[in-house]
């Protein structure tokens, strides 16, 4: 399901990038996404380590 959803989102976004910036710029613009995601998760990781992240247990 996640793959189908990501394909449904990626197709129109890549089409918009193609019409807005041209076919030669689709890959360079699209390649920024993994870098942004890695940066966000890196920041979350550093914040968790700095605050002494511990697993919370939820008792039912």
N, C-alpha and C. Protein backbone atom coordinates (compact mmCIF):
# COMPACT_ATOMS: atom_id res chain seq x y z
N UNK A 1 0.83 -1.20 0.00
CA UNK A 1 0.00 0.00 0.00
C UNK A 1 0.87 1.26 0.00
N UNK A 2 1.97 1.22 0.73
CA UNK A 2 2.83 2.41 0.80
C UNK A 2 3.47 2.69 -0.55
N UNK A 3 3.83 1.65 -1.27
CA UNK A 3 4.42 1.83 -2.59
C UNK A 3 3.43 2.42 -3.58
N UNK A 4 2.18 1.96 -3.52
CA UNK A 4 1.15 2.50 -4.41
C UNK A 4 0.88 3.96 -4.09
N UNK A 5 0.85 4.30 -2.81
CA UNK A 5 0.61 5.69 -2.41
C UNK A 5 1.75 6.59 -2.85
N UNK A 6 2.99 6.13 -2.65
CA UNK A 6 4.13 6.96 -3.04
C UNK A 6 4.18 7.15 -4.55
N UNK A 7 3.80 6.12 -5.31
CA UNK A 7 3.75 6.25 -6.76
C UNK A 7 2.65 7.21 -7.19
N UNK A 8 1.51 7.16 -6.51
CA UNK A 8 0.41 8.07 -6.82
C UNK A 8 0.77 9.51 -6.54
N UNK A 9 1.61 9.74 -5.56
CA UNK A 9 2.04 11.11 -5.24
C UNK A 9 3.19 11.53 -6.13
N UNK A 10 4.14 10.64 -6.37
CA UNK A 10 5.35 10.99 -7.11
C UNK A 10 5.06 11.32 -8.57
N UNK A 11 4.13 10.62 -9.20
CA UNK A 11 3.84 10.85 -10.61
C UNK A 11 3.41 12.28 -10.90
N UNK A 12 2.36 12.76 -10.25
CA UNK A 12 1.94 14.14 -10.50
C UNK A 12 2.98 15.18 -10.10
N UNK A 13 3.71 14.93 -9.02
CA UNK A 13 4.73 15.90 -8.59
C UNK A 13 5.85 15.97 -9.63
N UNK A 14 6.29 14.82 -10.12
CA UNK A 14 7.33 14.83 -11.14
C UNK A 14 6.83 15.46 -12.43
N UNK A 15 5.55 15.26 -12.76
CA UNK A 15 4.97 15.92 -13.93
C UNK A 15 4.96 17.43 -13.77
N UNK A 16 4.62 17.89 -12.57
CA UNK A 16 4.62 19.34 -12.31
C UNK A 16 6.03 19.90 -12.42
N UNK A 17 7.01 19.19 -11.88
CA UNK A 17 8.40 19.64 -11.98
C UNK A 17 8.82 19.70 -13.45
N UNK A 18 8.39 18.71 -14.23
CA UNK A 18 8.73 18.66 -15.65
C UNK A 18 8.15 19.86 -16.39
N UNK A 19 6.88 20.19 -16.14
CA UNK A 19 6.27 21.32 -16.85
C UNK A 19 6.79 22.65 -16.34
N UNK A 20 7.16 22.73 -15.07
CA UNK A 20 7.61 23.99 -14.49
C UNK A 20 9.07 24.28 -14.81
N UNK A 21 9.94 23.29 -14.62
CA UNK A 21 11.38 23.51 -14.75
C UNK A 21 12.00 22.88 -15.98
N UNK A 22 11.29 22.01 -16.67
CA UNK A 22 11.82 21.35 -17.86
C UNK A 22 12.32 19.95 -17.54
N UNK A 23 12.37 19.13 -18.59
CA UNK A 23 12.73 17.71 -18.42
C UNK A 23 14.15 17.52 -17.90
N UNK A 24 15.05 18.41 -18.26
CA UNK A 24 16.44 18.26 -17.83
C UNK A 24 16.63 18.49 -16.34
N UNK A 25 15.67 19.13 -15.70
CA UNK A 25 15.81 19.47 -14.28
C UNK A 25 14.98 18.60 -13.35
N UNK A 26 14.27 17.60 -13.88
CA UNK A 26 13.43 16.75 -13.02
C UNK A 26 14.28 15.99 -12.02
N UNK A 27 15.31 15.30 -12.47
CA UNK A 27 16.12 14.48 -11.56
C UNK A 27 16.87 15.32 -10.53
N UNK A 28 17.53 16.42 -10.92
CA UNK A 28 18.22 17.21 -9.88
C UNK A 28 17.27 17.77 -8.82
N UNK A 29 16.08 18.19 -9.23
CA UNK A 29 15.12 18.72 -8.25
C UNK A 29 14.61 17.58 -7.38
N UNK A 30 14.29 16.44 -7.99
CA UNK A 30 13.74 15.30 -7.26
C UNK A 30 14.78 14.68 -6.33
N UNK A 31 16.06 14.81 -6.65
CA UNK A 31 17.13 14.23 -5.83
C UNK A 31 17.32 14.96 -4.51
N UNK A 32 16.75 16.14 -4.38
CA UNK A 32 16.86 16.90 -3.13
C UNK A 32 16.01 16.26 -2.03
N UNK A 33 14.94 15.57 -2.40
CA UNK A 33 14.04 14.97 -1.41
C UNK A 33 14.74 14.01 -0.45
N UNK A 34 15.53 13.03 -0.91
CA UNK A 34 16.22 12.16 0.06
C UNK A 34 17.19 12.92 0.96
N UNK A 35 17.81 13.95 0.43
CA UNK A 35 18.72 14.75 1.26
C UNK A 35 17.95 15.47 2.36
N UNK A 36 16.79 16.01 2.02
CA UNK A 36 15.98 16.69 3.02
C UNK A 36 15.49 15.72 4.09
N UNK A 37 15.06 14.54 3.67
CA UNK A 37 14.59 13.53 4.63
C UNK A 37 15.73 13.08 5.54
N UNK A 38 16.90 12.86 4.97
CA UNK A 38 18.05 12.46 5.79
C UNK A 38 18.42 13.55 6.78
N UNK A 39 18.35 14.80 6.37
CA UNK A 39 18.64 15.91 7.27
C UNK A 39 17.64 15.97 8.42
N UNK A 40 16.36 15.82 8.11
CA UNK A 40 15.32 15.87 9.15
C UNK A 40 15.51 14.74 10.15
N UNK A 41 15.72 13.51 9.67
CA UNK A 41 15.91 12.38 10.58
C UNK A 41 17.21 12.50 11.36
N UNK A 42 18.24 13.08 10.76
CA UNK A 42 19.49 13.32 11.48
C UNK A 42 19.30 14.29 12.63
N UNK A 43 18.53 15.34 12.39
CA UNK A 43 18.24 16.31 13.46
C UNK A 43 17.44 15.66 14.57
N UNK A 44 16.43 14.87 14.21
CA UNK A 44 15.63 14.17 15.23
C UNK A 44 16.51 13.23 16.04
N UNK A 45 17.41 12.52 15.39
CA UNK A 45 18.32 11.59 16.07
C UNK A 45 19.20 12.34 17.07
N UNK A 46 19.77 13.46 16.64
CA UNK A 46 20.65 14.23 17.55
C UNK A 46 19.88 14.80 18.74
N UNK A 47 18.67 15.27 18.49
CA UNK A 47 17.86 15.81 19.59
C UNK A 47 17.51 14.71 20.58
N UNK A 48 17.14 13.52 20.07
CA UNK A 48 16.82 12.40 20.96
C UNK A 48 18.03 11.99 21.79
N UNK A 49 19.21 11.94 21.18
CA UNK A 49 20.41 11.57 21.93
C UNK A 49 20.78 12.63 22.96
N UNK A 50 20.61 13.89 22.62
CA UNK A 50 20.97 14.97 23.54
C UNK A 50 20.05 14.99 24.76
N UNK A 51 18.81 14.62 24.57
CA UNK A 51 17.84 14.64 25.68
C UNK A 51 17.80 13.33 26.45
N UNK A 52 18.60 12.37 26.07
CA UNK A 52 18.60 11.09 26.78
C UNK A 52 17.34 10.30 26.50
N UNK A 53 17.05 10.08 25.25
CA UNK A 53 15.83 9.38 24.85
C UNK A 53 15.75 8.00 25.50
N UNK A 54 14.59 7.70 26.04
CA UNK A 54 14.32 6.38 26.61
C UNK A 54 12.97 5.88 26.10
N UNK A 55 12.84 4.59 25.93
CA UNK A 55 11.58 4.00 25.48
C UNK A 55 10.56 4.12 26.59
N UNK A 56 9.37 4.58 26.25
CA UNK A 56 8.29 4.68 27.23
C UNK A 56 7.44 3.42 27.14
N UNK A 57 7.11 2.88 28.28
CA UNK A 57 6.28 1.69 28.31
C UNK A 57 4.85 2.10 28.66
N UNK A 58 3.92 1.59 27.87
CA UNK A 58 2.51 1.88 28.09
C UNK A 58 1.86 0.61 28.62
N UNK A 59 1.35 0.67 29.84
CA UNK A 59 0.68 -0.49 30.43
C UNK A 59 -0.81 -0.39 30.16
N UNK A 60 -1.38 -1.52 29.72
CA UNK A 60 -2.81 -1.51 29.40
C UNK A 60 -3.63 -2.00 30.57
